Amino acid sequence: MSEAPKSDFLIIDGHALIYRAFHAFPPLTDSEGNFVGALYGFLRILLSVLKQVQPAYWLVAFDHPAPTKRKLEFPFYKAKRKEMPEELKPQIPQIEEAVAKLGIPEFKLAGIEADDLIGTISKLATKSGKIDVLILTGDRDSFQLVDDHIHVLVPNLGFRRDKQNTSSMLEYNAALVEQKMGISPLGIIDFKALAGDASDNIPGVPGVGPKTALGLLAQFGDLDGIYAAVDHNDAQIKASLLAKLRQGRDSAYISQKLATIDREVAVDFDLQACKVAGYNKDEMSTLLMQYGFKSLIKFLPEDEFELGLQEALF
């Protein structure tokens, strides 16, 4: 008897995908002159992926506007991030409305980053071994979650001269993460602990760059292994590097903490509540027409009426 096929669970990293769409698509406006480029781009990417993946379960995780636990504990965390552009702010509720009309459950918790919700839910969903998770995001932080049952989908966006968008996506498994990043998915955490991450203002160890970090991890395995070698004055580590590592020990372990996605968040998660169900296609079509997105209607998933008609005919 053959093993039953696994079901796909699509987890959408809301704000990461919004920002990717905002920067990749032209600054479109609706008939009233309001910016809708991020809304269009988000839906264009999402609907294209839904057409390809056709998941059995889905959800979207958004960042909550309240300060996160990391930010409260370490005020410098993400301190260099620019404020959300004014033209993007009004598009966030529009995107959330569109997601709701598609029937996609939304997860958002005060003090918790979307990454931590995604990490926790992906762990819970794959626990049985019967679900494979696909994380749709434009943020490579999720690479640390990749394993046999969790892959990351990254949209690859580009524009022709006529400004017509072409999009595809790259699915990262553990082998591709290692090929692209030079380190295993879990190793990414200790890599950031050493080399830091400028985008999140994670300091790492001052004076230790990516090449040195990769070399140390290849030689000693992980951050604890590196500092065990430091404590023993390992002759394989140059004196100047030993000094940097000693001086930056606290920074390294704080950076490791900041870089680690929390997979134990207290979240009310019910897999069956995330099962893909019917939605009102007419309402969604009306919404798309309202913003002038007529070209996206053809990408909408089938609704219950269309599915019922197919069953009756075939």
Protein backbone atom coordinates (compact mmCIF):
# COMPACT_ATOMS: atom_id res chain seq x y z
CA MET A 1 0.00 0.00 0.00
CA SER A 2 1.51 3.33 -1.07
CA GLU A 3 1.95 6.12 1.44
CA ALA A 4 -0.67 8.90 1.29
CA PRO A 5 0.68 12.09 -0.29
CA LYS A 6 1.53 14.94 2.07
CA SER A 7 -0.62 18.08 2.09
CA ASP A 8 0.90 21.48 1.42
CA PHE A 9 0.48 24.30 3.94
CA LEU A 10 1.23 27.75 2.48
CA ILE A 11 2.32 30.27 5.12
CA ILE A 12 2.52 33.82 3.81
CA ASP A 13 4.95 36.26 5.44
CA GLY A 14 2.68 39.28 5.13
CA HIS A 15 4.87 42.35 5.64
CA ALA A 16 7.93 40.76 4.03
CA LEU A 17 5.90 40.11 0.89
CA ILE A 18 4.36 43.59 1.03
CA TYR A 19 7.76 45.27 1.11
CA ARG A 20 9.07 43.05 -1.66
CA ALA A 21 6.08 44.01 -3.81
CA PHE A 22 6.38 47.70 -2.89
CA HIS A 23 10.00 47.91 -4.04
CA ALA A 24 9.66 45.63 -7.06
CA PHE A 25 6.51 46.96 -8.73
CA PRO A 26 5.97 50.43 -10.26
CA PRO A 27 4.18 53.06 -8.10
CA LEU A 28 0.75 52.40 -9.59
CA THR A 29 -2.23 54.62 -8.73
CA ASP A 30 -5.96 54.01 -8.90
CA SER A 31 -8.53 56.23 -10.68
CA GLU A 32 -8.48 58.64 -7.73
CA GLY A 33 -4.70 58.96 -7.66
CA ASN A 34 -4.13 56.78 -4.61
CA PHE A 35 -1.02 54.57 -4.58
CA VAL A 36 -1.89 50.88 -5.08
CA GLY A 37 1.37 49.42 -6.41
CA ALA A 38 2.12 47.37 -3.27
CA LEU A 39 -1.46 46.09 -3.19
CA TYR A 40 -1.24 45.05 -6.84
CA GLY A 41 2.19 43.47 -6.43
CA PHE A 42 1.22 41.57 -3.28
CA LEU A 43 -1.89 40.12 -4.94
CA ARG A 44 -0.07 39.41 -8.21
CA ILE A 45 2.57 37.39 -6.40
CA LEU A 46 0.11 35.65 -4.07
CA LEU A 47 -2.39 34.67 -6.76
CA SER A 48 0.40 33.40 -9.04
CA VAL A 49 1.76 31.24 -6.23
CA LEU A 50 -1.71 29.93 -5.33
CA LYS A 51 -2.20 28.87 -8.93
CA GLN A 52 1.05 26.88 -8.83
CA VAL A 53 0.94 25.48 -5.30
CA GLN A 54 -2.80 24.89 -4.72
CA PRO A 55 -2.32 24.31 -0.97
CA ALA A 56 -4.63 22.33 1.29
CA TYR A 57 -4.00 24.77 4.17
CA TRP A 58 -3.01 28.41 4.32
CA LEU A 59 -2.54 31.44 6.55
CA VAL A 60 -0.90 34.85 6.51
CA ALA A 61 1.22 36.20 9.38
CA PHE A 62 1.55 39.96 9.83
CA ASP A 63 3.78 42.00 12.11
CA HIS A 64 1.86 43.75 14.91
CA PRO A 65 2.50 47.52 15.28
CA ALA A 66 3.27 47.16 19.02
CA PRO A 67 6.96 46.98 20.04
CA THR A 68 8.33 43.43 19.88
CA LYS A 69 9.91 41.54 22.76
CA ARG A 70 13.30 41.75 21.04
CA LYS A 71 12.98 45.52 20.62
CA LEU A 72 11.95 46.01 24.26
CA GLU A 73 14.91 43.96 25.50
CA PHE A 74 17.45 45.33 22.99
CA PRO A 75 16.45 48.85 21.84
CA PHE A 76 19.19 48.87 19.17
CA TYR A 77 17.50 45.96 17.36
CA LYS A 78 16.30 47.15 13.91
CA ALA A 79 17.09 50.71 15.04
CA LYS A 80 18.33 51.69 11.58
CA ARG A 81 15.15 50.63 9.82
CA LYS A 82 13.44 53.48 8.02
CA GLU A 83 9.84 54.37 8.84
CA MET A 84 7.23 52.83 6.57
CA PRO A 85 6.83 55.05 3.48
CA GLU A 86 3.72 57.24 3.66
CA GLU A 87 2.43 55.94 0.32
CA LEU A 88 2.58 52.38 1.66
CA LYS A 89 0.74 52.90 4.97
CA PRO A 90 -2.83 53.12 3.56
CA GLN A 91 -2.21 50.02 1.43
CA ILE A 92 -1.71 47.75 4.48
CA PRO A 93 -5.42 47.64 5.49
CA GLN A 94 -6.33 47.26 1.82
CA ILE A 95 -4.09 44.20 1.58
CA GLU A 96 -5.56 42.77 4.79
CA GLU A 97 -9.06 43.29 3.38
CA ALA A 98 -8.13 41.45 0.19
CA VAL A 99 -6.61 38.57 2.19
CA ALA A 100 -9.79 38.32 4.26
CA LYS A 101 -11.98 38.25 1.13
CA LEU A 102 -9.90 35.34 -0.18
CA GLY A 103 -10.70 33.53 3.07
CA ILE A 104 -7.09 33.31 4.25
CA PRO A 105 -6.79 33.22 8.09
CA GLU A 106 -4.70 36.07 9.50
CA PHE A 107 -2.32 35.74 12.46
CA LYS A 108 -0.99 38.78 14.31
CA LEU A 109 0.12 39.04 17.97
CA ALA A 110 1.26 42.07 19.98
CA GLY A 111 4.94 41.82 20.90
CA ILE A 112 5.56 38.93 18.51
CA GLU A 113 7.26 39.20 15.13
CA ALA A 114 5.69 37.46 12.16
CA ASP A 115 8.88 35.36 11.84
CA ASP A 116 8.23 33.86 15.28
CA LEU A 117 4.60 33.10 14.44
CA ILE A 118 5.75 31.45 11.22
CA GLY A 119 8.47 29.48 13.02
CA THR A 120 6.08 28.23 15.71
CA ILE A 121 3.21 27.37 13.38
CA SER A 122 5.46 25.62 10.85
CA LYS A 123 6.83 23.48 13.70
CA LEU A 124 3.34 22.62 14.95
CA ALA A 125 2.00 21.90 11.45
CA THR A 126 4.82 19.53 10.47
CA LYS A 127 4.88 17.66 13.78
CA SER A 128 2.77 14.80 12.44
CA GLY A 129 4.94 14.33 9.35
CA LYS A 130 1.85 14.53 7.13
CA ILE A 131 2.13 18.22 6.27
CA ASP A 132 4.78 20.02 4.22
CA VAL A 133 5.06 23.76 4.80
CA LEU A 134 5.92 26.31 2.13
CA ILE A 135 6.82 29.76 3.48
CA LEU A 136 6.17 32.52 0.95
CA THR A 137 8.46 35.43 1.83
CA GLY A 138 10.94 37.95 0.52
CA ASP A 139 13.02 37.68 3.70
CA ARG A 140 15.88 35.20 3.95
CA ASP A 141 15.65 35.08 7.76
CA SER A 142 13.25 32.16 7.27
CA PHE A 143 16.04 30.06 5.73
CA GLN A 144 16.97 28.86 9.23
CA LEU A 145 13.59 27.04 9.37
CA VAL A 146 14.25 24.93 6.27
CA ASP A 147 14.31 21.17 6.75
CA ASP A 148 12.84 18.05 5.12
CA HIS A 149 9.27 19.29 5.66
CA ILE A 150 9.69 23.08 5.46
CA HIS A 151 10.80 24.94 2.34
CA VAL A 152 10.94 28.67 1.58
CA LEU A 153 9.46 30.22 -1.57
CA VAL A 154 11.11 33.46 -2.67
CA PRO A 155 9.49 35.40 -5.54
CA ASN A 156 11.91 36.33 -8.28
CA LEU A 157 10.63 39.55 -9.81
CA GLY A 158 11.68 41.46 -12.90
CA PHE A 159 10.35 43.92 -15.44
CA ARG A 160 10.55 44.08 -19.19
CA ARG A 161 10.98 47.40 -20.96
CA ASP A 162 7.21 47.60 -21.44
CA LYS A 163 6.88 47.40 -17.61
CA GLN A 164 4.86 44.20 -17.79
CA ASN A 165 5.80 42.11 -14.78
CA THR A 166 7.21 38.64 -15.06
CA SER A 167 7.40 36.63 -11.88
CA SER A 168 8.58 33.23 -10.82
CA MET A 169 9.67 31.78 -7.54
CA LEU A 170 12.62 29.86 -6.21
CA GLU A 171 11.94 27.05 -3.74
CA TYR A 172 14.70 26.70 -1.18
CA ASN A 173 15.35 23.28 0.33
CA ALA A 174 18.30 22.63 2.66
CA ALA A 175 20.69 21.89 -0.22
CA LEU A 176 19.85 25.13 -2.04
CA VAL A 177 20.16 27.17 1.16
CA GLU A 178 23.63 25.75 1.71
CA GLN A 179 24.55 26.35 -1.93
CA LYS A 180 23.41 29.98 -1.86
CA MET A 181 24.44 30.89 1.70
CA GLY A 182 27.50 28.71 2.13
CA ILE A 183 26.13 27.20 5.32
CA SER A 184 23.34 24.88 6.52
CA PRO A 185 19.94 26.37 7.49
CA LEU A 186 20.56 26.09 11.25
CA GLY A 187 24.11 27.37 10.80
CA ILE A 188 22.70 30.70 9.60
CA ILE A 189 21.92 31.65 13.22
CA ASP A 190 25.55 31.32 14.39
CA PHE A 191 26.76 32.91 11.16
CA LYS A 192 24.75 36.03 12.07
CA ALA A 193 25.99 35.78 15.66
CA LEU A 194 29.51 36.24 14.30
CA ALA A 195 29.11 38.38 11.17
CA GLY A 196 26.01 40.30 12.26
CA ASP A 197 23.14 41.45 10.07
CA ALA A 198 23.09 45.12 9.06
CA SER A 199 19.44 45.03 7.94
CA ASP A 200 18.30 44.12 11.47
CA ASN A 201 21.14 46.01 13.20
CA ILE A 202 22.41 42.76 14.74
CA PRO A 203 26.02 43.61 15.69
CA GLY A 204 27.77 40.23 15.62
CA VAL A 205 31.44 40.29 16.64
CA PRO A 206 33.13 43.57 15.66
CA GLY A 207 35.89 42.92 13.15
CA VAL A 208 34.56 39.50 12.07
CA GLY A 209 33.21 39.46 8.53
CA PRO A 210 31.24 36.84 6.57
CA LYS A 211 34.30 35.01 5.19
CA THR A 212 35.91 34.70 8.62
CA ALA A 213 32.59 33.62 10.18
CA LEU A 214 32.13 30.86 7.61
CA GLY A 215 35.70 29.67 8.14
CA LEU A 216 35.30 29.50 11.93
CA LEU A 217 32.01 27.60 11.68
CA ALA A 218 33.49 25.15 9.16
CA GLN A 219 36.39 24.54 11.54
CA PHE A 220 34.65 24.42 14.92
CA GLY A 221 31.02 23.56 14.11
CA ASP A 222 29.01 26.18 16.01
CA LEU A 223 29.30 29.23 18.25
CA ASP A 224 29.86 27.17 21.41
CA GLY A 225 32.57 25.18 19.64
CA ILE A 226 34.30 28.38 18.56
CA TYR A 227 34.29 29.81 22.07
CA ALA A 228 35.51 26.51 23.53
CA ALA A 229 38.47 26.87 21.18
CA VAL A 230 38.90 30.51 22.22
CA ASP A 231 38.94 29.52 25.90
CA HIS A 232 41.66 26.96 25.17
CA ASN A 233 43.73 29.47 23.17
CA ASP A 234 43.49 27.18 20.14
CA ALA A 235 46.59 27.69 18.00
CA GLN A 236 44.47 27.37 14.85
CA ILE A 237 42.97 30.80 15.58
CA LYS A 238 45.27 33.77 14.94
CA ALA A 239 46.07 35.93 17.95
CA SER A 240 44.38 39.01 16.45
CA LEU A 241 41.18 37.04 15.81
CA LEU A 242 41.30 35.50 19.27
CA ALA A 243 41.34 39.01 20.73
CA LYS A 244 38.33 40.07 18.65
CA LEU A 245 36.37 36.96 19.64
CA ARG A 246 37.16 37.42 23.35
CA GLN A 247 36.18 41.06 23.29
CA GLY A 248 33.02 40.34 21.28
CA ARG A 249 31.79 37.30 23.22
CA ASP A 250 28.78 39.05 24.80
CA SER A 251 27.87 40.66 21.50
CA ALA A 252 28.06 37.26 19.77
CA TYR A 253 25.64 35.60 22.16
CA ILE A 254 23.25 38.55 22.17
CA SER A 255 23.34 38.47 18.36
CA GLN A 256 22.66 34.73 18.40
CA LYS A 257 19.59 35.35 20.54
CA LEU A 258 18.35 38.11 18.25
CA ALA A 259 18.91 36.04 15.12
CA THR A 260 17.07 32.95 16.40
CA ILE A 261 13.44 32.63 15.33
CA ASP A 262 11.33 31.68 18.37
CA ARG A 263 9.50 28.42 17.65
CA GLU A 264 7.76 28.19 21.01
CA VAL A 265 5.36 31.15 20.86
CA ALA A 266 2.09 30.71 22.75
CA VAL A 267 -0.29 30.89 19.80
CA ASP A 268 -3.84 29.60 19.41
CA PHE A 269 -3.35 27.42 16.34
CA ASP A 270 -5.88 24.97 14.89
CA LEU A 271 -4.80 23.28 11.67
CA GLN A 272 -8.36 22.62 10.51
CA ALA A 273 -9.23 26.30 10.89
CA CYS A 274 -6.54 26.96 8.25
CA LYS A 275 -7.98 24.51 5.72
CA VAL A 276 -8.53 26.11 2.33
CA ALA A 277 -12.28 26.62 1.88
CA GLY A 278 -14.61 28.47 -0.43
CA TYR A 279 -14.75 32.23 -0.84
CA ASN A 280 -16.96 34.73 -2.67
CA LYS A 281 -15.29 35.14 -6.05
CA ASP A 282 -17.75 37.84 -7.15
CA GLU A 283 -16.84 39.98 -4.13
CA MET A 284 -13.15 39.50 -4.78
CA SER A 285 -13.59 40.33 -8.48
CA THR A 286 -15.45 43.51 -7.53
CA LEU A 287 -12.59 44.48 -5.21
CA LEU A 288 -10.03 43.97 -7.97
CA MET A 289 -12.09 46.03 -10.41
CA GLN A 290 -12.41 48.78 -7.78
CA TYR A 291 -8.64 49.22 -7.83
CA GLY A 292 -8.32 48.77 -11.59
CA PHE A 293 -6.77 45.30 -11.33
CA LYS A 294 -8.84 43.68 -14.08
CA SER A 295 -5.83 41.64 -15.25
CA LEU A 296 -5.71 39.80 -11.90
CA ILE A 297 -9.23 38.38 -12.11
CA LYS A 298 -8.04 35.51 -14.30
CA PHE A 299 -5.67 34.44 -11.50
CA LEU A 300 -8.41 34.08 -8.88
CA PRO A 301 -8.86 30.54 -7.49
CA GLU A 302 -12.02 28.66 -8.33
CA ASP A 303 -14.87 29.19 -5.90
CA GLU A 304 -17.38 26.66 -4.56
CA PHE A 305 -19.79 27.21 -7.47
CA GLU A 306 -17.13 26.47 -10.10
CA LEU A 307 -15.85 23.45 -8.20
CA GLY A 308 -19.40 22.13 -7.78
CA LEU A 309 -20.09 22.59 -11.48
CA GLN A 310 -16.96 20.64 -12.40
CA GLU A 311 -17.98 17.79 -10.10
CA ALA A 312 -21.44 17.70 -11.64
CA LEU A 313 -20.10 17.63 -15.19
CA PHE A 314 -17.22 15.22 -14.68
